[in-house]
C-alpha atoms as a PDB file:
ATOM      1  CA  UNK A   1      63.336  38.043 134.833  1.00  0.00           C
ATOM      2  CA  UNK A   2      64.923  41.695 134.304  1.00  0.00           C
ATOM      3  CA  UNK A   3      68.101  41.612 132.991  1.00  0.00           C
ATOM      4  CA  UNK A   4      67.918  43.281 129.269  1.00  0.00           C
ATOM      5  CA  UNK A   5      71.574  43.067 128.837  1.00  0.00           C
ATOM      6  CA  UNK A   6      72.319  45.673 125.794  1.00  0.00           C
ATOM      7  CA  UNK A   7      74.126  42.947 123.071  1.00  0.00           C
ATOM      8  CA  UNK A   8      73.471  42.480 119.989  1.00  0.00           C
ATOM      9  CA  UNK A   9      72.654  38.697 119.624  1.00  0.00           C
ATOM     10  CA  UNK A  10      76.052  37.988 118.041  1.00  0.00           C
ATOM     11  CA  UNK A  11      77.409  38.647 120.673  1.00  0.00           C
ATOM     12  CA  UNK A  12      74.881  37.112 123.389  1.00  0.00           C
ATOM     13  CA  UNK A  13      76.009  33.773 121.046  1.00  0.00           C
ATOM     14  CA  UNK A  14      79.535  34.638 121.695  1.00  0.00           C
ATOM     15  CA  UNK A  15      78.752  35.590 125.189  1.00  0.00           C
ATOM     16  CA  UNK A  16      77.293  32.114 125.722  1.00  0.00           C
ATOM     17  CA  UNK A  17      79.555  30.226 123.921  1.00  0.00           C
ATOM     18  CA  UNK A  18      82.419  31.296 125.290  1.00  0.00           C
ATOM     19  CA  UNK A  19      80.315  30.478 128.965  1.00  0.00           C
ATOM     20  CA  UNK A  20      80.808  27.000 127.838  1.00  0.00           C
ATOM     21  CA  UNK A  21      84.284  27.124 126.646  1.00  0.00           C
ATOM     22  CA  UNK A  22      85.185  28.130 130.619  1.00  0.00           C
ATOM     23  CA  UNK A  23      83.377  25.808 131.644  1.00  0.00           C
ATOM     24  CA  UNK A  24      84.560  22.537 129.604  1.00  0.00           C
ATOM     25  CA  UNK A  25      81.576  22.252 127.718  1.00  0.00           C
ATOM     26  CA  UNK A  26      83.606  22.116 124.016  1.00  0.00           C
ATOM     27  CA  UNK A  27      86.293  20.371 125.057  1.00  0.00           C
ATOM     28  CA  UNK A  28      85.253  18.010 127.992  1.00  0.00           C
ATOM     29  CA  UNK A  29      81.701  16.740 126.085  1.00  0.00           C
ATOM     30  CA  UNK A  30      80.508  15.796 123.087  1.00  0.00           C
ATOM     31  CA  UNK A  31      78.001  16.083 120.622  1.00  0.00           C
ATOM     32  CA  UNK A  32      75.880  13.108 121.643  1.00  0.00           C
ATOM     33  CA  UNK A  33      75.926  14.542 125.009  1.00  0.00           C
ATOM     34  CA  UNK A  34      74.877  18.021 124.207  1.00  0.00           C
ATOM     35  CA  UNK A  35      72.081  15.962 122.463  1.00  0.00           C
ATOM     36  CA  UNK A  36      71.476  14.276 125.448  1.00  0.00           C
ATOM     37  CA  UNK A  37      70.479  17.766 126.828  1.00  0.00           C
ATOM     38  CA  UNK A  38      68.939  19.459 123.948  1.00  0.00           C
ATOM     39  CA  UNK A  39      65.685  16.858 124.205  1.00  0.00           C
ATOM     40  CA  UNK A  40      66.203  17.114 127.804  1.00  0.00           C
ATOM     41  CA  UNK A  41      65.845  20.615 127.924  1.00  0.00           C
ATOM     42  CA  UNK A  42      63.102  19.856 124.344  1.00  0.00           C
ATOM     43  CA  UNK A  43      60.968  18.253 127.074  1.00  0.00           C
ATOM     44  CA  UNK A  44      60.910  21.174 129.575  1.00  0.00           C
ATOM     45  CA  UNK A  45      60.156  23.052 126.655  1.00  0.00           C
ATOM     46  CA  UNK A  46      56.934  20.550 125.575  1.00  0.00           C
ATOM     47  CA  UNK A  47      55.778  21.183 129.581  1.00  0.00           C
ATOM     48  CA  UNK A  48      55.476  24.211 129.381  1.00  0.00           C
ATOM     49  CA  UNK A  49      53.739  24.770 125.816  1.00  0.00           C
ATOM     50  CA  UNK A  50      51.562  22.215 127.060  1.00  0.00           C
ATOM     51  CA  UNK A  51      50.356  23.891 130.343  1.00  0.00           C
ATOM     52  CA  UNK A  52      51.210  27.410 128.317  1.00  0.00           C
ATOM     53  CA  UNK A  53      53.933  28.990 130.717  1.00  0.00           C
ATOM     54  CA  UNK A  54      55.916  31.247 129.561  1.00  0.00           C
ATOM     55  CA  UNK A  55      58.614  29.881 127.379  1.00  0.00           C
ATOM     56  CA  UNK A  56      61.241  31.906 126.735  1.00  0.00           C
ATOM     57  CA  UNK A  57      63.106  29.950 130.218  1.00  0.00           C
ATOM     58  CA  UNK A  58      62.995  26.513 128.443  1.00  0.00           C
ATOM     59  CA  UNK A  59      63.049  27.720 124.750  1.00  0.00           C
ATOM     60  CA  UNK A  60      66.563  29.916 125.907  1.00  0.00           C
ATOM     61  CA  UNK A  61      68.118  26.803 127.406  1.00  0.00           C
ATOM     62  CA  UNK A  62      67.336  25.441 124.398  1.00  0.00           C
ATOM     63  CA  UNK A  63      69.530  27.789 121.963  1.00  0.00           C
ATOM     64  CA  UNK A  64      72.398  27.705 124.855  1.00  0.00           C
ATOM     65  CA  UNK A  65      72.186  24.038 124.013  1.00  0.00           C
ATOM     66  CA  UNK A  66      72.451  24.629 121.006  1.00  0.00           C
ATOM     67  CA  UNK A  67      74.961  27.247 120.331  1.00  0.00           C
ATOM     68  CA  UNK A  68      77.067  24.114 122.466  1.00  0.00           C
ATOM     69  CA  UNK A  69      76.281  21.923 119.395  1.00  0.00           C
ATOM     70  CA  UNK A  70      77.063  24.565 116.639  1.00  0.00           C
ATOM     71  CA  UNK A  71      80.640  26.175 118.761  1.00  0.00           C
ATOM     72  CA  UNK A  72      81.769  22.876 118.953  1.00  0.00           C
ATOM     73  CA  UNK A  73      81.096  22.383 114.446  1.00  0.00           C
ATOM     74  CA  UNK A  74      82.932  25.884 113.757  1.00  0.00           C
ATOM     75  CA  UNK A  75      79.515  27.469 113.058  1.00  0.00           C
ATOM     76  CA  UNK A  76      77.129  29.545 114.802  1.00  0.00           C
ATOM     77  CA  UNK A  77      73.325  29.960 115.058  1.00  0.00           C
ATOM     78  CA  UNK A  78      73.384  32.517 111.899  1.00  0.00           C
ATOM     79  CA  UNK A  79      74.865  30.160 109.967  1.00  0.00           C
ATOM     80  CA  UNK A  80      72.851  27.328 110.635  1.00  0.00           C
ATOM     81  CA  UNK A  81      69.410  29.059 110.663  1.00  0.00           C
ATOM     82  CA  UNK A  82      70.468  30.344 107.385  1.00  0.00           C
ATOM     83  CA  UNK A  83      71.882  27.230 105.681  1.00  0.00           C
ATOM     84  CA  UNK A  84      68.155  26.086 106.611  1.00  0.00           C
ATOM     85  CA  UNK A  85      66.171  28.986 105.153  1.00  0.00           C
ATOM     86  CA  UNK A  86      67.885  28.555 101.498  1.00  0.00           C
ATOM     87  CA  UNK A  87      66.603  24.981 101.624  1.00  0.00           C
ATOM     88  CA  UNK A  88      63.497  25.571 102.376  1.00  0.00           C
ATOM     89  CA  UNK A  89      61.994  29.322 101.604  1.00  0.00           C
ATOM     90  CA  UNK A  90      60.835  28.254  97.646  1.00  0.00           C
ATOM     91  CA  UNK A  91      59.390  24.917  99.937  1.00  0.00           C
ATOM     92  CA  UNK A  92      55.372  24.045  99.351  1.00  0.00           C
ATOM     93  CA  UNK A  93      52.983  22.133 101.026  1.00  0.00           C
ATOM     94  CA  UNK A  94      49.853  23.057 103.165  1.00  0.00           C
ATOM     95  CA  UNK A  95      48.830  23.275 106.710  1.00  0.00           C
ATOM     96  CA  UNK A  96      47.396  19.528 107.778  1.00  0.00           C
ATOM     97  CA  UNK A  97      45.396  19.318 111.718  1.00  0.00           C
ATOM     98  CA  UNK A  98      47.707  22.893 112.567  1.00  0.00           C
ATOM     99  CA  UNK A  99      51.147  20.922 111.243  1.00  0.00           C
ATOM    100  CA  UNK A 100      53.031  22.653 107.839  1.00  0.00           C
ATOM    101  CA  UNK A 101      53.607  19.414 105.877  1.00  0.00           C
ATOM    102  CA  UNK A 102      55.651  18.985 102.400  1.00  0.00           C
ATOM    103  CA  UNK A 103      54.945  18.811  99.061  1.00  0.00           C
ATOM    104  CA  UNK A 104      56.918  15.800  98.368  1.00  0.00           C
ATOM    105  CA  UNK A 105      55.274  14.005 101.251  1.00  0.00           C
ATOM    106  CA  UNK A 106      51.367  14.824 100.368  1.00  0.00           C
END
């Protein structure tokens, strides 16, 4: 890996979104088909986690598909993250076997 683009995250996200538009992956696909692609990429990420490989490629591929899903639904990843964080920021719970379990699920 050598490319170090001089883009902000927002610029890079917009470039990826445009890449999807240029290849008809917004109008020419569906949320369900993109979810299938995301599951495929998450499976590949899981293999890299298990094998202790560099996670950047597969994690990035997951982000590319997530950008597609966000673009298709007229928002961006910042908005999605902000929305989710506003719901979880005061959440309480505890770690059980390396996984955070919400207080209401204990």
